[in-house]
Amino acid sequence: MSNFWDRIKPAPKPVSATDAKLSADGESLTLTWDDGVTTTATAQVLRQQCPCAACVDEWTAKRTLDPSQVPANLRVLQMQPVGNYALAFLFSDQHNTGIYPWKHLRDITQSQG
């Protein structure tokens, strides 16, 4: 018979980036993760996957942003940390309301590799 303590599983440690670098032209983001993996995504893909309420319906979680409307030559103009759990970007189309948690960034950038 197992006791209470045997049934408790430690929560998996959430993944987080240890380094984030924008290319000089702002065209791509490269992330280094605490597990040693390095992943990359273009500014266009980051913008297409923006999780903000203007790009994703808050109630249905359906993407309202049409990915085909995001130009291939889009750039990231600025990047800043949000606490120690996310990044925020200012894109060349002036969009800046998305907060990208580490898990979302890992999913986006890993699928690009």
PDB file of N, CA and C in Angstrom:
ATOM      1  N   MET A   1       0.846  -1.189   0.000  1.00  0.00           N
ATOM      2  CA  MET A   1       0.000   0.000   0.000  1.00  0.00           C
ATOM      3  C   MET A   1       0.890   1.250   0.000  1.00  0.00           C
ATOM      4  N   SER A   2       0.628   2.156  -0.949  1.00  0.00           N
ATOM      5  CA  SER A   2       1.451   3.362  -0.995  1.00  0.00           C
ATOM      6  C   SER A   2       0.846   4.426  -0.081  1.00  0.00           C
ATOM      7  N   ASN A   3       1.726   5.206   0.470  1.00  0.00           N
ATOM      8  CA  ASN A   3       1.219   6.284   1.310  1.00  0.00           C
ATOM      9  C   ASN A   3       1.149   7.586   0.505  1.00  0.00           C
ATOM     10  N   PHE A   4       0.640   8.589   1.123  1.00  0.00           N
ATOM     11  CA  PHE A   4       0.444   9.888   0.487  1.00  0.00           C
ATOM     12  C   PHE A   4       1.722  10.389  -0.176  1.00  0.00           C
ATOM     13  N   TRP A   5       2.854  10.302   0.517  1.00  0.00           N
ATOM     14  CA  TRP A   5       4.108  10.866   0.009  1.00  0.00           C
ATOM     15  C   TRP A   5       4.613  10.117  -1.221  1.00  0.00           C
ATOM     16  N   ASP A   6       4.291   8.834  -1.344  1.00  0.00           N
ATOM     17  CA  ASP A   6       4.703   8.062  -2.508  1.00  0.00           C
ATOM     18  C   ASP A   6       3.942   8.502  -3.767  1.00  0.00           C
ATOM     19  N   ARG A   7       2.750   9.049  -3.578  1.00  0.00           N
ATOM     20  CA  ARG A   7       1.914   9.431  -4.723  1.00  0.00           C
ATOM     21  C   ARG A   7       2.222  10.837  -5.234  1.00  0.00           C
ATOM     22  N   ILE A   8       2.896  11.623  -4.425  1.00  0.00           N
ATOM     23  CA  ILE A   8       3.217  12.988  -4.853  1.00  0.00           C
ATOM     24  C   ILE A   8       4.402  12.944  -5.811  1.00  0.00           C
ATOM     25  N   LYS A   9       4.198  13.502  -6.961  1.00  0.00           N
ATOM     26  CA  LYS A   9       5.267  13.562  -7.951  1.00  0.00           C
ATOM     27  C   LYS A   9       5.772  15.009  -8.008  1.00  0.00           C
ATOM     28  N   PRO A  10       7.078  15.181  -8.029  1.00  0.00           N
ATOM     29  CA  PRO A  10       7.549  16.563  -8.175  1.00  0.00           C
ATOM     30  C   PRO A  10       7.107  17.120  -9.527  1.00  0.00           C
ATOM     31  N   ALA A  11       6.686  18.354  -9.536  1.00  0.00           N
ATOM     32  CA  ALA A  11       6.264  18.979 -10.794  1.00  0.00           C
ATOM     33  C   ALA A  11       7.483  19.112 -11.696  1.00  0.00           C
ATOM     34  N   PRO A  12       7.312  18.844 -12.998  1.00  0.00           N
ATOM     35  CA  PRO A  12       8.452  19.033 -13.891  1.00  0.00           C
ATOM     36  C   PRO A  12       8.866  20.503 -13.884  1.00  0.00           C
ATOM     37  N   LYS A  13      10.146  20.738 -13.879  1.00  0.00           N
ATOM     38  CA  LYS A  13      10.657  22.106 -13.868  1.00  0.00           C
ATOM     39  C   LYS A  13      10.321  22.745 -15.209  1.00  0.00           C
ATOM     40  N   PRO A  14       9.682  23.903 -15.186  1.00  0.00           N
ATOM     41  CA  PRO A  14       9.366  24.541 -16.467  1.00  0.00           C
ATOM     42  C   PRO A  14      10.654  24.950 -17.187  1.00  0.00           C
ATOM     43  N   VAL A  15      10.643  24.808 -18.496  1.00  0.00           N
ATOM     44  CA  VAL A  15      11.810  25.168 -19.281  1.00  0.00           C
ATOM     45  C   VAL A  15      11.951  26.687 -19.307  1.00  0.00           C
ATOM     46  N   SER A  16      13.188  27.156 -19.291  1.00  0.00           N
ATOM     47  CA  SER A  16      13.392  28.597 -19.441  1.00  0.00           C
ATOM     48  C   SER A  16      14.662  28.841 -20.235  1.00  0.00           C
ATOM     49  N   ALA A  17      14.699  29.979 -20.897  1.00  0.00           N
ATOM     50  CA  ALA A  17      15.851  30.335 -21.716  1.00  0.00           C
ATOM     51  C   ALA A  17      16.912  30.978 -20.838  1.00  0.00           C
ATOM     52  N   THR A  18      18.166  30.663 -21.141  1.00  0.00           N
ATOM     53  CA  THR A  18      19.274  31.283 -20.424  1.00  0.00           C
ATOM     54  C   THR A  18      19.897  32.400 -21.246  1.00  0.00           C
ATOM     55  N   ASP A  19      19.560  32.436 -22.537  1.00  0.00           N
ATOM     56  CA  ASP A  19      20.085  33.491 -23.400  1.00  0.00           C
ATOM     57  C   ASP A  19      19.129  33.713 -24.559  1.00  0.00           C
ATOM     58  N   ALA A  20      18.960  34.963 -24.944  1.00  0.00           N
ATOM     59  CA  ALA A  20      18.106  35.324 -26.086  1.00  0.00           C
ATOM     60  C   ALA A  20      18.863  36.359 -26.907  1.00  0.00           C
ATOM     61  N   LYS A  21      19.041  36.052 -28.186  1.00  0.00           N
ATOM     62  CA  LYS A  21      19.779  36.959 -29.062  1.00  0.00           C
ATOM     63  C   LYS A  21      18.980  37.233 -30.321  1.00  0.00           C
ATOM     64  N   LEU A  22      18.835  38.514 -30.619  1.00  0.00           N
ATOM     65  CA  LEU A  22      18.259  38.920 -31.898  1.00  0.00           C
ATOM     66  C   LEU A  22      19.387  39.021 -32.904  1.00  0.00           C
ATOM     67  N   SER A  23      19.125  38.619 -34.140  1.00  0.00           N
ATOM     68  CA  SER A  23      20.118  38.832 -35.185  1.00  0.00           C
ATOM     69  C   SER A  23      20.278  40.339 -35.383  1.00  0.00           C
ATOM     70  N   ALA A  24      21.406  40.758 -35.935  1.00  0.00           N
ATOM     71  CA  ALA A  24      21.699  42.184 -36.107  1.00  0.00           C
ATOM     72  C   ALA A  24      20.609  42.893 -36.905  1.00  0.00           C
ATOM     73  N   ASP A  25      20.001  42.181 -37.861  1.00  0.00           N
ATOM     74  CA  ASP A  25      18.963  42.792 -38.697  1.00  0.00           C
ATOM     75  C   ASP A  25      17.562  42.650 -38.104  1.00  0.00           C
ATOM     76  N   GLY A  26      17.441  41.987 -36.938  1.00  0.00           N
ATOM     77  CA  GLY A  26      16.136  41.805 -36.302  1.00  0.00           C
ATOM     78  C   GLY A  26      15.271  40.771 -36.985  1.00  0.00           C
ATOM     79  N   GLU A  27      15.857  40.015 -37.897  1.00  0.00           N
ATOM     80  CA  GLU A  27      15.095  39.055 -38.681  1.00  0.00           C
ATOM     81  C   GLU A  27      14.833  37.747 -37.948  1.00  0.00           C
ATOM     82  N   SER A  28      15.687  37.412 -36.963  1.00  0.00           N
ATOM     83  CA  SER A  28      15.489  36.144 -36.258  1.00  0.00           C
ATOM     84  C   SER A  28      15.912  36.239 -34.802  1.00  0.00           C
ATOM     85  N   LEU A  29      15.361  35.333 -34.025  1.00  0.00           N
ATOM     86  CA  LEU A  29      15.645  35.223 -32.597  1.00  0.00           C
ATOM     87  C   LEU A  29      16.234  33.841 -32.351  1.00  0.00           C
ATOM     88  N   THR A  30      17.348  33.805 -31.615  1.00  0.00           N
ATOM     89  CA  THR A  30      17.951  32.535 -31.224  1.00  0.00           C
ATOM     90  C   THR A  30      17.927  32.457 -29.703  1.00  0.00           C
ATOM     91  N   LEU A  31      17.403  31.336 -29.207  1.00  0.00           N
ATOM     92  CA  LEU A  31      17.299  31.127 -27.766  1.00  0.00           C
ATOM     93  C   LEU A  31      18.157  29.948 -27.353  1.00  0.00           C
ATOM     94  N   THR A  32      18.847  30.105 -26.221  1.00  0.00           N
ATOM     95  CA  THR A  32      19.570  28.999 -25.603  1.00  0.00           C
ATOM     96  C   THR A  32      18.813  28.655 -24.336  1.00  0.00           C
ATOM     97  N   TRP A  33      18.517  27.364 -24.160  1.00  0.00           N
ATOM     98  CA  TRP A  33      17.663  26.906 -23.067  1.00  0.00           C
ATOM     99  C   TRP A  33      18.478  26.288 -21.942  1.00  0.00           C
ATOM    100  N   ASP A  34      17.868  26.224 -20.768  1.00  0.00           N
ATOM    101  CA  ASP A  34      18.576  25.699 -19.601  1.00  0.00           C
ATOM    102  C   ASP A  34      18.910  24.214 -19.724  1.00  0.00           C
ATOM    103  N   ASP A  35      18.339  23.532 -20.722  1.00  0.00           N
ATOM    104  CA  ASP A  35      18.699  22.129 -20.954  1.00  0.00           C
ATOM    105  C   ASP A  35      19.770  21.997 -22.036  1.00  0.00           C
ATOM    106  N   GLY A  36      20.329  23.147 -22.478  1.00  0.00           N
ATOM    107  CA  GLY A  36      21.419  23.126 -23.443  1.00  0.00           C
ATOM    108  C   GLY A  36      21.001  23.206 -24.892  1.00  0.00           C
ATOM    109  N   VAL A  37      19.716  23.116 -25.176  1.00  0.00           N
ATOM    110  CA  VAL A  37      19.215  23.156 -26.551  1.00  0.00           C
ATOM    111  C   VAL A  37      19.211  24.608 -27.040  1.00  0.00           C
ATOM    112  N   THR A  38      19.500  24.798 -28.328  1.00  0.00           N
ATOM    113  CA  THR A  38      19.420  26.111 -28.963  1.00  0.00           C
ATOM    114  C   THR A  38      18.354  26.040 -30.050  1.00  0.00           C
ATOM    115  N   THR A  39      17.444  27.016 -30.067  1.00  0.00           N
ATOM    116  CA  THR A  39      16.368  27.046 -31.059  1.00  0.00           C
ATOM    117  C   THR A  39      16.286  28.442 -31.672  1.00  0.00           C
ATOM    118  N   THR A  40      15.663  28.519 -32.844  1.00  0.00           N
ATOM    119  CA  THR A  40      15.587  29.780 -33.580  1.00  0.00           C
ATOM    120  C   THR A  40      14.210  29.930 -34.215  1.00  0.00           C
ATOM    121  N   ALA A  41      13.770  31.170 -34.380  1.00  0.00           N
ATOM    122  CA  ALA A  41      12.565  31.467 -35.153  1.00  0.00           C
ATOM    123  C   ALA A  41      12.748  32.817 -35.828  1.00  0.00           C
ATOM    124  N   THR A  42      12.098  32.961 -36.969  1.00  0.00           N
ATOM    125  CA  THR A  42      12.128  34.259 -37.654  1.00  0.00           C
ATOM    126  C   THR A  42      11.154  35.218 -36.969  1.00  0.00           C
ATOM    127  N   ALA A  43      11.364  36.492 -37.195  1.00  0.00           N
ATOM    128  CA  ALA A  43      10.448  37.509 -36.679  1.00  0.00           C
ATOM    129  C   ALA A  43       9.040  37.273 -37.226  1.00  0.00           C
ATOM    130  N   GLN A  44       8.964  36.860 -38.483  1.00  0.00           N
ATOM    131  CA  GLN A  44       7.654  36.599 -39.090  1.00  0.00           C
ATOM    132  C   GLN A  44       6.914  35.507 -38.327  1.00  0.00           C
ATOM    133  N   VAL A  45       7.595  34.408 -38.022  1.00  0.00           N
ATOM    134  CA  VAL A  45       6.954  33.310 -37.302  1.00  0.00           C
ATOM    135  C   VAL A  45       6.558  33.747 -35.886  1.00  0.00           C
ATOM    136  N   LEU A  46       7.423  34.485 -35.221  1.00  0.00           N
ATOM    137  CA  LEU A  46       7.080  34.985 -33.880  1.00  0.00           C
ATOM    138  C   LEU A  46       5.806  35.823 -33.932  1.00  0.00           C
ATOM    139  N   ARG A  47       5.747  36.705 -34.921  1.00  0.00           N
ATOM    140  CA  ARG A  47       4.564  37.585 -35.062  1.00  0.00           C
ATOM    141  C   ARG A  47       3.323  36.769 -35.406  1.00  0.00           C
ATOM    142  N   GLN A  48       3.471  35.759 -36.266  1.00  0.00           N
ATOM    143  CA  GLN A  48       2.335  34.917 -36.647  1.00  0.00           C
ATOM    144  C   GLN A  48       1.797  34.134 -35.451  1.00  0.00           C
ATOM    145  N   GLN A  49       2.657  33.863 -34.479  1.00  0.00           N
ATOM    146  CA  GLN A  49       2.271  33.078 -33.301  1.00  0.00           C
ATOM    147  C   GLN A  49       2.019  33.946 -32.068  1.00  0.00           C
ATOM    148  N   CYS A  50       1.807  35.226 -32.279  1.00  0.00           N
ATOM    149  CA  CYS A  50       1.571  36.132 -31.155  1.00  0.00           C
ATOM    150  C   CYS A  50       0.381  35.654 -30.325  1.00  0.00           C
ATOM    151  N   PRO A  51       0.577  35.557 -28.992  1.00  0.00           N
ATOM    152  CA  PRO A  51      -0.498  35.049 -28.132  1.00  0.00           C
ATOM    153  C   PRO A  51      -1.430  36.124 -27.568  1.00  0.00           C
ATOM    154  N   CYS A  52      -1.303  37.370 -28.009  1.00  0.00           N
ATOM    155  CA  CYS A  52      -2.100  38.436 -27.386  1.00  0.00           C
ATOM    156  C   CYS A  52      -3.576  38.361 -27.787  1.00  0.00           C
ATOM    157  N   ALA A  53      -4.407  39.096 -27.065  1.00  0.00           N
ATOM    158  CA  ALA A  53      -5.855  39.072 -27.277  1.00  0.00           C
ATOM    159  C   ALA A  53      -6.260  39.648 -28.637  1.00  0.00           C
ATOM    160  N   ALA A  54      -5.416  40.483 -29.233  1.00  0.00           N
ATOM    161  CA  ALA A  54      -5.729  41.009 -30.560  1.00  0.00           C
ATOM    162  C   ALA A  54      -5.483  39.966 -31.652  1.00  0.00           C
ATOM    163  N   CYS A  55      -4.661  38.953 -31.338  1.00  0.00           N
ATOM    164  CA  CYS A  55      -4.302  37.936 -32.334  1.00  0.00           C
ATOM    165  C   CYS A  55      -4.970  36.585 -32.086  1.00  0.00           C
ATOM    166  N   VAL A  56      -5.438  36.384 -30.866  1.00  0.00           N
ATOM    167  CA  VAL A  56      -6.087  35.126 -30.487  1.00  0.00           C
ATOM    168  C   VAL A  56      -7.346  35.463 -29.694  1.00  0.00           C
ATOM    169  N   ASP A  57      -8.482  34.872 -30.076  1.00  0.00           N
ATOM    170  CA  ASP A  57      -9.730  35.108 -29.352  1.00  0.00           C
ATOM    171  C   ASP A  57      -9.602  34.568 -27.930  1.00  0.00           C
ATOM    172  N   GLU A  58      -9.855  35.440 -26.953  1.00  0.00           N
ATOM    173  CA  GLU A  58      -9.671  35.056 -25.551  1.00  0.00           C
ATOM    174  C   GLU A  58     -10.602  33.945 -25.098  1.00  0.00           C
ATOM    175  N   TRP A  59     -11.760  33.833 -25.724  1.00  0.00           N
ATOM    176  CA  TRP A  59     -12.745  32.850 -25.269  1.00  0.00           C
ATOM    177  C   TRP A  59     -12.606  31.520 -25.982  1.00  0.00           C
ATOM    178  N   THR A  60     -12.298  31.558 -27.272  1.00  0.00           N
ATOM    179  CA  THR A  60     -12.241  30.304 -28.024  1.00  0.00           C
ATOM    180  C   THR A  60     -10.807  29.824 -28.254  1.00  0.00           C
ATOM    181  N   ALA A  61      -9.825  30.688 -27.992  1.00  0.00           N
ATOM    182  CA  ALA A  61      -8.402  30.419 -28.249  1.00  0.00           C
ATOM    183  C   ALA A  61      -8.118  30.252 -29.739  1.00  0.00           C
ATOM    184  N   LYS A  62      -9.085  30.679 -30.579  1.00  0.00           N
ATOM    185  CA  LYS A  62      -8.901  30.592 -32.029  1.00  0.00           C
ATOM    186  C   LYS A  62      -8.062  31.780 -32.495  1.00  0.00           C
ATOM    187  N   ARG A  63      -7.088  31.492 -33.355  1.00  0.00           N
ATOM    188  CA  ARG A  63      -6.229  32.555 -33.875  1.00  0.00           C
ATOM    189  C   ARG A  63      -7.052  33.458 -34.790  1.00  0.00           C
ATOM    190  N   THR A  64      -7.058  34.762 -34.493  1.00  0.00           N
ATOM    191  CA  THR A  64      -7.795  35.725 -35.310  1.00  0.00           C
ATOM    192  C   THR A  64      -6.870  36.442 -36.290  1.00  0.00           C
ATOM    193  N   LEU A  65      -5.574  36.421 -36.016  1.00  0.00           N
ATOM    194  CA  LEU A  65      -4.603  37.008 -36.935  1.00  0.00           C
ATOM    195  C   LEU A  65      -4.420  36.070 -38.127  1.00  0.00           C
ATOM    196  N   ASP A  66      -4.537  36.594 -39.321  1.00  0.00           N
ATOM    197  CA  ASP A  66      -4.306  35.796 -40.530  1.00  0.00           C
ATOM    198  C   ASP A  66      -2.792  35.755 -40.775  1.00  0.00           C
ATOM    199  N   PRO A  67      -2.168  34.578 -40.602  1.00  0.00           N
ATOM    200  CA  PRO A  67      -0.716  34.489 -40.749  1.00  0.00           C
ATOM    201  C   PRO A  67      -0.211  34.962 -42.109  1.00  0.00           C
ATOM    202  N   SER A  68      -1.046  34.840 -43.144  1.00  0.00           N
ATOM    203  CA  SER A  68      -0.610  35.256 -44.480  1.00  0.00           C
ATOM    204  C   SER A  68      -0.495  36.774 -44.590  1.00  0.00           C
ATOM    205  N   GLN A  69      -1.046  37.502 -43.617  1.00  0.00           N
ATOM    206  CA  GLN A  69      -0.965  38.965 -43.636  1.00  0.00           C
ATOM    207  C   GLN A  69       0.319  39.493 -42.991  1.00  0.00           C
ATOM    208  N   VAL A  70       1.112  38.601 -42.411  1.00  0.00           N
ATOM    209  CA  VAL A  70       2.366  39.012 -41.775  1.00  0.00           C
ATOM    210  C   VAL A  70       3.469  38.964 -42.828  1.00  0.00           C
ATOM    211  N   PRO A  71       4.065  40.112 -43.159  1.00  0.00           N
ATOM    212  CA  PRO A  71       5.053  40.135 -44.234  1.00  0.00           C
ATOM    213  C   PRO A  71       6.317  39.346 -43.885  1.00  0.00           C
ATOM    214  N   ALA A  72       6.922  38.730 -44.891  1.00  0.00           N
ATOM    215  CA  ALA A  72       8.140  37.935 -44.697  1.00  0.00           C
ATOM    216  C   ALA A  72       9.306  38.798 -44.229  1.00  0.00           C
ATOM    217  N   ASN A  73       9.267  40.088 -44.560  1.00  0.00           N
ATOM    218  CA  ASN A  73      10.387  40.957 -44.197  1.00  0.00           C
ATOM    219  C   ASN A  73      10.184  41.659 -42.849  1.00  0.00           C
ATOM    220  N   LEU A  74       9.239  41.175 -42.058  1.00  0.00           N
ATOM    221  CA  LEU A  74       8.995  41.742 -40.730  1.00  0.00           C
ATOM    222  C   LEU A  74      10.256  41.610 -39.877  1.00  0.00           C
ATOM    223  N   ARG A  75      10.490  42.575 -38.996  1.00  0.00           N
ATOM    224  CA  ARG A  75      11.659  42.570 -38.113  1.00  0.00           C
ATOM    225  C   ARG A  75      11.223  42.774 -36.669  1.00  0.00           C
ATOM    226  N   VAL A  76      12.062  42.311 -35.764  1.00  0.00           N
ATOM    227  CA  VAL A  76      11.901  42.646 -34.353  1.00  0.00           C
ATOM    228  C   VAL A  76      12.763  43.878 -34.100  1.00  0.00           C
ATOM    229  N   LEU A  77      12.140  44.956 -33.631  1.00  0.00           N
ATOM    230  CA  LEU A  77      12.872  46.192 -33.366  1.00  0.00           C
ATOM    231  C   LEU A  77      13.410  46.218 -31.940  1.00  0.00           C
ATOM    232  N   GLN A  78      12.650  45.634 -31.016  1.00  0.00           N
ATOM    233  CA  GLN A  78      13.059  45.596 -29.609  1.00  0.00           C
ATOM    234  C   GLN A  78      12.585  44.304 -28.985  1.00  0.00           C
ATOM    235  N   MET A  79      13.346  43.858 -27.980  1.00  0.00           N
ATOM    236  CA  MET A  79      12.984  42.675 -27.216  1.00  0.00           C
ATOM    237  C   MET A  79      13.232  43.014 -25.753  1.00  0.00           C
ATOM    238  N   GLN A  80      12.296  42.622 -24.904  1.00  0.00           N
ATOM    239  CA  GLN A  80      12.539  42.851 -23.483  1.00  0.00           C
ATOM    240  C   GLN A  80      11.971  41.724 -22.648  1.00  0.00           C
ATOM    241  N   PRO A  81      12.636  41.418 -21.518  1.00  0.00           N
ATOM    242  CA  PRO A  81      12.122  40.372 -20.641  1.00  0.00           C
ATOM    243  C   PRO A  81      10.859  40.826 -19.924  1.00  0.00           C
ATOM    244  N   VAL A  82       9.987  39.885 -19.642  1.00  0.00           N
ATOM    245  CA  VAL A  82       8.805  40.115 -18.815  1.00  0.00           C
ATOM    246  C   VAL A  82       8.994  39.219 -17.596  1.00  0.00           C
ATOM    247  N   GLY A  83       9.329  39.836 -16.466  1.00  0.00           N
ATOM    248  CA  GLY A  83       9.677  39.048 -15.290  1.00  0.00           C
ATOM    249  C   GLY A  83      10.794  38.092 -15.661  1.00  0.00           C
ATOM    250  N   ASN A  84      10.736  36.876 -15.125  1.00  0.00           N
ATOM    251  CA  ASN A  84      11.720  35.867 -15.542  1.00  0.00           C
ATOM    252  C   ASN A  84      11.018  34.709 -16.234  1.00  0.00           C
ATOM    253  N   TYR A  85       9.853  35.000 -16.835  1.00  0.00           N
ATOM    254  CA  TYR A  85       9.051  33.928 -17.419  1.00  0.00           C
ATOM    255  C   TYR A  85       8.689  34.136 -18.887  1.00  0.00           C
ATOM    256  N   ALA A  86       9.052  35.273 -19.474  1.00  0.00           N
ATOM    257  CA  ALA A  86       8.579  35.557 -20.829  1.00  0.00           C
ATOM    258  C   ALA A  86       9.420  36.649 -21.484  1.00  0.00           C
ATOM    259  N   LEU A  87       9.180  36.829 -22.787  1.00  0.00           N
ATOM    260  CA  LEU A  87       9.751  37.939 -23.540  1.00  0.00           C
ATOM    261  C   LEU A  87       8.615  38.700 -24.222  1.00  0.00           C
ATOM    262  N   ALA A  88       8.845  39.978 -24.452  1.00  0.00           N
ATOM    263  CA  ALA A  88       7.919  40.806 -25.226  1.00  0.00           C
ATOM    264  C   ALA A  88       8.722  41.432 -26.363  1.00  0.00           C
ATOM    265  N   PHE A  89       8.056  41.650 -27.495  1.00  0.00           N
ATOM    266  CA  PHE A  89       8.729  42.160 -28.686  1.00  0.00           C
ATOM    267  C   PHE A  89       7.992  43.370 -29.234  1.00  0.00           C
ATOM    268  N   LEU A  90       8.748  44.279 -29.833  1.00  0.00           N
ATOM    269  CA  LEU A  90       8.179  45.338 -30.666  1.00  0.00           C
ATOM    270  C   LEU A  90       8.569  44.969 -32.087  1.00  0.00           C
ATOM    271  N   PHE A  91       7.562  44.725 -32.911  1.00  0.00           N
ATOM    272  CA  PHE A  91       7.790  44.336 -34.300  1.00  0.00           C
ATOM    273  C   PHE A  91       7.773  45.558 -35.204  1.00  0.00           C
ATOM    274  N   SER A  92       8.322  45.416 -36.398  1.00  0.00           N
ATOM    275  CA  SER A  92       8.392  46.537 -37.335  1.00  0.00           C
ATOM    276  C   SER A  92       7.018  46.968 -37.841  1.00  0.00           C
ATOM    277  N   ASP A  93       5.966  46.137 -37.609  1.00  0.00           N
ATOM    278  CA  ASP A  93       4.605  46.594 -37.939  1.00  0.00           C
ATOM    279  C   ASP A  93       3.977  47.330 -36.752  1.00  0.00           C
ATOM    280  N   GLN A  94       4.801  47.621 -35.738  1.00  0.00           N
ATOM    281  CA  GLN A  94       4.439  48.348 -34.515  1.00  0.00           C
ATOM    282  C   GLN A  94       3.619  47.517 -33.527  1.00  0.00           C
ATOM    283  N   HIS A  95       3.407  46.251 -33.799  1.00  0.00           N
ATOM    284  CA  HIS A  95       2.683  45.380 -32.870  1.00  0.00           C
ATOM    285  C   HIS A  95       3.586  45.106 -31.667  1.00  0.00           C
ATOM    286  N   ASN A  96       3.025  45.245 -30.461  1.00  0.00           N
ATOM    287  CA  ASN A  96       3.865  45.059 -29.270  1.00  0.00           C
ATOM    288  C   ASN A  96       3.099  44.551 -28.057  1.00  0.00           C
ATOM    289  N   THR A  97       1.934  43.964 -28.241  1.00  0.00           N
ATOM    290  CA  THR A  97       1.121  43.582 -27.085  1.00  0.00           C
ATOM    291  C   THR A  97       1.270  42.123 -26.675  1.00  0.00           C
ATOM    292  N   GLY A  98       2.038  41.345 -27.417  1.00  0.00           N
ATOM    293  CA  GLY A  98       2.181  39.931 -27.080  1.00  0.00           C
ATOM    294  C   GLY A  98       3.215  39.690 -25.989  1.00  0.00           C
ATOM    295  N   ILE A  99       2.860  38.864 -25.028  1.00  0.00           N
ATOM    296  CA  ILE A  99       3.807  38.377 -24.030  1.00  0.00           C
ATOM    297  C   ILE A  99       3.999  36.895 -24.321  1.00  0.00           C
ATOM    298  N   TYR A 100       5.233  36.522 -24.582  1.00  0.00           N
ATOM    299  CA  TYR A 100       5.576  35.170 -25.016  1.00  0.00           C
ATOM    300  C   TYR A 100       6.232  34.394 -23.872  1.00  0.00           C
ATOM    301  N   PRO A 101       5.457  33.580 -23.152  1.00  0.00           N
ATOM    302  CA  PRO A 101       6.056  32.772 -22.077  1.00  0.00           C
ATOM    303  C   PRO A 101       7.083  31.795 -22.656  1.00  0.00           C
ATOM    304  N   TRP A 102       8.031  31.378 -21.804  1.00  0.00           N
ATOM    305  CA  TRP A 102       9.094  30.477 -22.269  1.00  0.00           C
ATOM    306  C   TRP A 102       8.543  29.245 -22.979  1.00  0.00           C
ATOM    307  N   LYS A 103       7.519  28.611 -22.425  1.00  0.00           N
ATOM    308  CA  LYS A 103       7.007  27.381 -23.044  1.00  0.00           C
ATOM    309  C   LYS A 103       6.510  27.652 -24.462  1.00  0.00           C
ATOM    310  N   HIS A 104       5.801  28.764 -24.650  1.00  0.00           N
ATOM    311  CA  HIS A 104       5.302  29.132 -25.977  1.00  0.00           C
ATOM    312  C   HIS A 104       6.482  29.371 -26.936  1.00  0.00           C
ATOM    313  N   LEU A 105       7.501  30.080 -26.450  1.00  0.00           N
ATOM    314  CA  LEU A 105       8.674  30.334 -27.276  1.00  0.00           C
ATOM    315  C   LEU A 105       9.390  29.035 -27.640  1.00  0.00           C
ATOM    316  N   ARG A 106       9.472  28.119 -26.681  1.00  0.00           N
ATOM    317  CA  ARG A 106      10.135  26.845 -26.976  1.00  0.00           C
ATOM    318  C   ARG A 106       9.350  26.090 -28.059  1.00  0.00           C
ATOM    319  N   ASP A 107       8.029  26.080 -27.931  1.00  0.00           N
ATOM    320  CA  ASP A 107       7.191  25.397 -28.928  1.00  0.00           C
ATOM    321  C   ASP A 107       7.361  26.027 -30.315  1.00  0.00           C
ATOM    322  N   ILE A 108       7.328  27.353 -30.380  1.00  0.00           N
ATOM    323  CA  ILE A 108       7.437  28.054 -31.661  1.00  0.00           C
ATOM    324  C   ILE A 108       8.808  27.807 -32.295  1.00  0.00           C
ATOM    325  N   THR A 109       9.862  28.004 -31.499  1.00  0.00           N
ATOM    326  CA  THR A 109      11.207  27.948 -32.061  1.00  0.00           C
ATOM    327  C   THR A 109      11.647  26.530 -32.351  1.00  0.00           C
ATOM    328  N   GLN A 110      11.174  25.578 -31.578  1.00  0.00           N
ATOM    329  CA  GLN A 110      11.549  24.180 -31.805  1.00  0.00           C
ATOM    330  C   GLN A 110      10.966  23.671 -33.122  1.00  0.00           C
ATOM    331  N   SER A 111       9.738  24.112 -33.429  1.00  0.00           N
ATOM    332  CA  SER A 111       9.100  23.646 -34.657  1.00  0.00           C
ATOM    333  C   SER A 111       9.780  24.247 -35.894  1.00  0.00           C
ATOM    334  N   GLN A 112      10.558  25.301 -35.692  1.00  0.00           N
ATOM    335  CA  GLN A 112      11.276  25.925 -36.814  1.00  0.00           C
ATOM    336  C   GLN A 112      12.575  25.201 -37.134  1.00  0.00           C
ATOM    337  N   GLY A 113      13.120  24.457 -36.123  1.00  0.00           N
ATOM    338  CA  GLY A 113      14.428  23.834 -36.289  1.00  0.00           C
ATOM    339  C   GLY A 113      14.377  22.753 -37.287  1.00  0.00           C
TER     340      GLY A 113
END
